[in-house]
C-alpha cells in the first residue's frame, strides 16, 4: 500500500480525534452533558 493511504488514514484519525476532543471540551464548558453516553461514562468512572 502506498504512503498516500497511510496519510489519509492519519488524517481521518486526526479529524475523528478532533471531534471527540471538541465534544468533551464542550461538555466540560457547559458542565451539563447533552449526550447521555458521555454522562454515563463519566458517572461510571467516578464510582
PDB file of N, CA and C in Angstrom:
ATOM      1  N   UNK A   1       0.839  -1.205   0.000  1.00  0.00           N
ATOM      2  CA  UNK A   1       0.000   0.000   0.000  1.00  0.00           C
ATOM      3  C   UNK A   1       0.877   1.260   0.000  1.00  0.00           C
ATOM      4  N   UNK A   2       0.558   2.226  -0.842  1.00  0.00           N
ATOM      5  CA  UNK A   2       1.371   3.449  -0.899  1.00  0.00           C
ATOM      6  C   UNK A   2       1.238   4.276   0.370  1.00  0.00           C
ATOM      7  N   UNK A   3       2.194   5.177   0.569  1.00  0.00           N
ATOM      8  CA  UNK A   3       2.176   6.020   1.771  1.00  0.00           C
ATOM      9  C   UNK A   3       0.981   6.965   1.751  1.00  0.00           C
ATOM     10  N   UNK A   4       0.416   7.198   0.570  1.00  0.00           N
ATOM     11  CA  UNK A   4      -0.739   8.086   0.458  1.00  0.00           C
ATOM     12  C   UNK A   4      -1.905   7.551   1.278  1.00  0.00           C
ATOM     13  N   UNK A   5      -2.093   6.234   1.257  1.00  0.00           N
ATOM     14  CA  UNK A   5      -3.168   5.614   2.030  1.00  0.00           C
ATOM     15  C   UNK A   5      -2.976   5.830   3.516  1.00  0.00           C
ATOM     16  N   UNK A   6      -1.725   5.755   3.959  1.00  0.00           N
ATOM     17  CA  UNK A   6      -1.437   5.967   5.381  1.00  0.00           C
ATOM     18  C   UNK A   6      -1.750   7.403   5.775  1.00  0.00           C
ATOM     19  N   UNK A   7      -1.414   8.346   4.890  1.00  0.00           N
ATOM     20  CA  UNK A   7      -1.675   9.760   5.191  1.00  0.00           C
ATOM     21  C   UNK A   7      -3.172  10.009   5.335  1.00  0.00           C
ATOM     22  N   UNK A   8      -3.958   9.397   4.445  1.00  0.00           N
ATOM     23  CA  UNK A   8      -5.413   9.563   4.506  1.00  0.00           C
ATOM     24  C   UNK A   8      -5.947   8.994   5.817  1.00  0.00           C
ATOM     25  N   UNK A   9      -5.431   7.832   6.220  1.00  0.00           N
ATOM     26  CA  UNK A   9      -5.877   7.203   7.464  1.00  0.00           C
ATOM     27  C   UNK A   9      -5.524   8.088   8.652  1.00  0.00           C
ATOM     28  N   UNK A  10      -4.306   8.622   8.667  1.00  0.00           N
ATOM     29  CA  UNK A  10      -3.891   9.503   9.764  1.00  0.00           C
ATOM     30  C   UNK A  10      -4.774  10.743   9.807  1.00  0.00           C
ATOM     31  N   UNK A  11      -5.123  11.260   8.631  1.00  0.00           N
ATOM     32  CA  UNK A  11      -5.966  12.457   8.547  1.00  0.00           C
ATOM     33  C   UNK A  11      -7.345  12.155   9.130  1.00  0.00           C
ATOM     34  N   UNK A  12      -7.898  10.994   8.777  1.00  0.00           N
ATOM     35  CA  UNK A  12      -9.213  10.611   9.288  1.00  0.00           C
ATOM     36  C   UNK A  12      -9.179  10.454  10.801  1.00  0.00           C
ATOM     37  N   UNK A  13      -8.118   9.825  11.317  1.00  0.00           N
ATOM     38  CA  UNK A  13      -7.989   9.644  12.764  1.00  0.00           C
ATOM     39  C   UNK A  13      -7.856  10.991  13.455  1.00  0.00           C
ATOM     40  N   UNK A  14      -7.104  11.904  12.834  1.00  0.00           N
ATOM     41  CA  UNK A  14      -6.911  13.231  13.415  1.00  0.00           C
ATOM     42  C   UNK A  14      -8.233  13.990  13.485  1.00  0.00           C
ATOM     43  N   UNK A  15      -9.012  13.930  12.401  1.00  0.00           N
ATOM     44  CA  UNK A  15     -10.313  14.604  12.371  1.00  0.00           C
ATOM     45  C   UNK A  15     -11.246  13.991  13.407  1.00  0.00           C
ATOM     46  N   UNK A  16     -11.250  12.655  13.479  1.00  0.00           N
ATOM     47  CA  UNK A  16     -12.108  11.962  14.445  1.00  0.00           C
ATOM     48  C   UNK A  16     -11.711  12.344  15.867  1.00  0.00           C
ATOM     49  N   UNK A  17     -10.412  12.356  16.132  1.00  0.00           N
ATOM     50  CA  UNK A  17      -9.921  12.745  17.452  1.00  0.00           C
ATOM     51  C   UNK A  17     -10.287  14.181  17.784  1.00  0.00           C
ATOM     52  N   UNK A  18     -10.239  15.050  16.773  1.00  0.00           N
ATOM     53  CA  UNK A  18     -10.574  16.457  16.993  1.00  0.00           C
ATOM     54  C   UNK A  18     -12.043  16.597  17.383  1.00  0.00           C
ATOM     55  N   UNK A  19     -12.908  15.854  16.696  1.00  0.00           N
ATOM     56  CA  UNK A  19     -14.339  15.908  17.007  1.00  0.00           C
ATOM     57  C   UNK A  19     -14.612  15.411  18.424  1.00  0.00           C
ATOM     58  N   UNK A  20     -13.958  14.319  18.814  1.00  0.00           N
ATOM     59  CA  UNK A  20     -14.137  13.763  20.160  1.00  0.00           C
ATOM     60  C   UNK A  20     -13.643  14.755  21.201  1.00  0.00           C
ATOM     61  N   UNK A  21     -12.458  15.336  20.952  1.00  0.00           N
ATOM     62  CA  UNK A  21     -11.898  16.314  21.891  1.00  0.00           C
ATOM     63  C   UNK A  21     -12.821  17.519  22.006  1.00  0.00           C
ATOM     64  N   UNK A  22     -13.316  17.996  20.875  1.00  0.00           N
ATOM     65  CA  UNK A  22     -14.211  19.154  20.865  1.00  0.00           C
ATOM     66  C   UNK A  22     -15.483  18.849  21.654  1.00  0.00           C
ATOM     67  N   UNK A  23     -16.037  17.658  21.458  1.00  0.00           N
ATOM     68  CA  UNK A  23     -17.252  17.266  22.169  1.00  0.00           C
ATOM     69  C   UNK A  23     -17.012  17.243  23.672  1.00  0.00           C
ATOM     70  N   UNK A  24     -15.876  16.678  24.095  1.00  0.00           N
ATOM     71  CA  UNK A  24     -15.556  16.600  25.524  1.00  0.00           C
ATOM     72  C   UNK A  24     -15.355  17.996  26.099  1.00  0.00           C
ATOM     73  N   UNK A  25     -14.665  18.864  25.359  1.00  0.00           N
ATOM     74  CA  UNK A  25     -14.430  20.237  25.827  1.00  0.00           C
ATOM     75  C   UNK A  25     -15.753  20.966  25.995  1.00  0.00           C
ATOM     76  N   UNK A  26     -16.649  20.815  25.020  1.00  0.00           N
ATOM     77  CA  UNK A  26     -17.965  21.463  25.106  1.00  0.00           C
ATOM     78  C   UNK A  26     -18.731  20.938  26.314  1.00  0.00           C
ATOM     79  N   UNK A  27     -18.629  19.636  26.561  1.00  0.00           N
ATOM     80  CA  UNK A  27     -19.304  19.040  27.715  1.00  0.00           C
ATOM     81  C   UNK A  27     -18.844  19.704  29.003  1.00  0.00           C
ATOM     82  N   UNK A  28     -17.522  19.874  29.156  1.00  0.00           N
ATOM     83  CA  UNK A  28     -16.989  20.446  30.390  1.00  0.00           C
ATOM     84  C   UNK A  28     -17.291  21.932  30.498  1.00  0.00           C
ATOM     85  N   UNK A  29     -17.321  22.650  29.361  1.00  0.00           N
ATOM     86  CA  UNK A  29     -17.622  24.089  29.394  1.00  0.00           C
ATOM     87  C   UNK A  29     -19.060  24.292  29.873  1.00  0.00           C
ATOM     88  N   UNK A  30     -19.984  23.540  29.327  1.00  0.00           N
ATOM     89  CA  UNK A  30     -21.390  23.676  29.719  1.00  0.00           C
ATOM     90  C   UNK A  30     -21.652  23.018  31.069  1.00  0.00           C
ATOM     91  N   UNK A  31     -20.787  22.073  31.449  1.00  0.00           N
ATOM     92  CA  UNK A  31     -20.927  21.349  32.726  1.00  0.00           C
ATOM     93  C   UNK A  31     -22.295  20.707  32.851  1.00  0.00           C
ATOM     94  N   UNK A  32     -22.880  20.342  31.727  1.00  0.00           N
ATOM     95  CA  UNK A  32     -24.119  19.581  31.765  1.00  0.00           C
ATOM     96  C   UNK A  32     -24.208  18.806  30.474  1.00  0.00           C
ATOM     97  N   UNK A  33     -23.930  17.501  30.564  1.00  0.00           N
ATOM     98  CA  UNK A  33     -23.817  16.650  29.382  1.00  0.00           C
ATOM     99  C   UNK A  33     -25.092  16.593  28.557  1.00  0.00           C
ATOM    100  N   UNK A  34     -24.943  16.861  27.265  1.00  0.00           N
ATOM    101  CA  UNK A  34     -26.084  16.782  26.362  1.00  0.00           C
ATOM    102  C   UNK A  34     -26.179  15.376  25.781  1.00  0.00           C
ATOM    103  N   UNK A  35     -25.052  14.640  25.828  1.00  0.00           N
ATOM    104  CA  UNK A  35     -25.063  13.263  25.342  1.00  0.00           C
ATOM    105  C   UNK A  35     -25.137  12.319  26.538  1.00  0.00           C
ATOM    106  N   UNK A  36     -26.132  11.468  26.555  1.00  0.00           N
ATOM    107  CA  UNK A  36     -26.286  10.534  27.673  1.00  0.00           C
ATOM    108  C   UNK A  36     -25.092   9.591  27.763  1.00  0.00           C
ATOM    109  N   UNK A  37     -24.472   9.292  26.616  1.00  0.00           N
ATOM    110  CA  UNK A  37     -23.327   8.381  26.619  1.00  0.00           C
ATOM    111  C   UNK A  37     -22.189   8.951  27.446  1.00  0.00           C
ATOM    112  N   UNK A  38     -21.859  10.230  27.226  1.00  0.00           N
ATOM    113  CA  UNK A  38     -20.769  10.856  27.976  1.00  0.00           C
ATOM    114  C   UNK A  38     -21.117  10.927  29.459  1.00  0.00           C
ATOM    115  N   UNK A  39     -22.358  11.222  29.773  1.00  0.00           N
ATOM    116  CA  UNK A  39     -22.784  11.299  31.170  1.00  0.00           C
ATOM    117  C   UNK A  39     -22.658   9.925  31.816  1.00  0.00           C
ATOM    118  N   UNK A  40     -23.023   8.897  31.076  1.00  0.00           N
ATOM    119  CA  UNK A  40     -22.948   7.530  31.586  1.00  0.00           C
ATOM    120  C   UNK A  40     -21.500   7.143  31.850  1.00  0.00           C
ATOM    121  N   UNK A  41     -20.609   7.461  30.916  1.00  0.00           N
ATOM    122  CA  UNK A  41     -19.190   7.128  31.067  1.00  0.00           C
ATOM    123  C   UNK A  41     -18.596   7.890  32.246  1.00  0.00           C
ATOM    124  N   UNK A  42     -18.939   9.177  32.365  1.00  0.00           N
ATOM    125  CA  UNK A  42     -18.387   9.994  33.455  1.00  0.00           C
ATOM    126  C   UNK A  42     -18.862   9.478  34.812  1.00  0.00           C
ATOM    127  N   UNK A  43     -20.140   9.165  34.935  1.00  0.00           N
ATOM    128  CA  UNK A  43     -20.664   8.689  36.221  1.00  0.00           C
ATOM    129  C   UNK A  43     -20.068   7.325  36.569  1.00  0.00           C
ATOM    130  N   UNK A  44     -19.826   6.490  35.551  1.00  0.00           N
ATOM    131  CA  UNK A  44     -19.245   5.165  35.806  1.00  0.00           C
ATOM    132  C   UNK A  44     -17.792   5.292  36.258  1.00  0.00           C
ATOM    133  N   UNK A  45     -17.067   6.264  35.717  1.00  0.00           N
ATOM    134  CA  UNK A  45     -15.643   6.401  36.037  1.00  0.00           C
ATOM    135  C   UNK A  45     -15.445   6.928  37.458  1.00  0.00           C
ATOM    136  N   UNK A  46     -16.440   7.617  38.004  1.00  0.00           N
ATOM    137  CA  UNK A  46     -16.300   8.171  39.353  1.00  0.00           C
ATOM    138  C   UNK A  46     -16.631   7.142  40.434  1.00  0.00           C
ATOM    139  N   UNK A  47     -17.406   6.122  40.065  1.00  0.00           N
ATOM    140  CA  UNK A  47     -17.800   5.126  41.070  1.00  0.00           C
ATOM    141  C   UNK A  47     -16.644   4.240  41.490  1.00  0.00           C
TER     142      UNK A  47
END
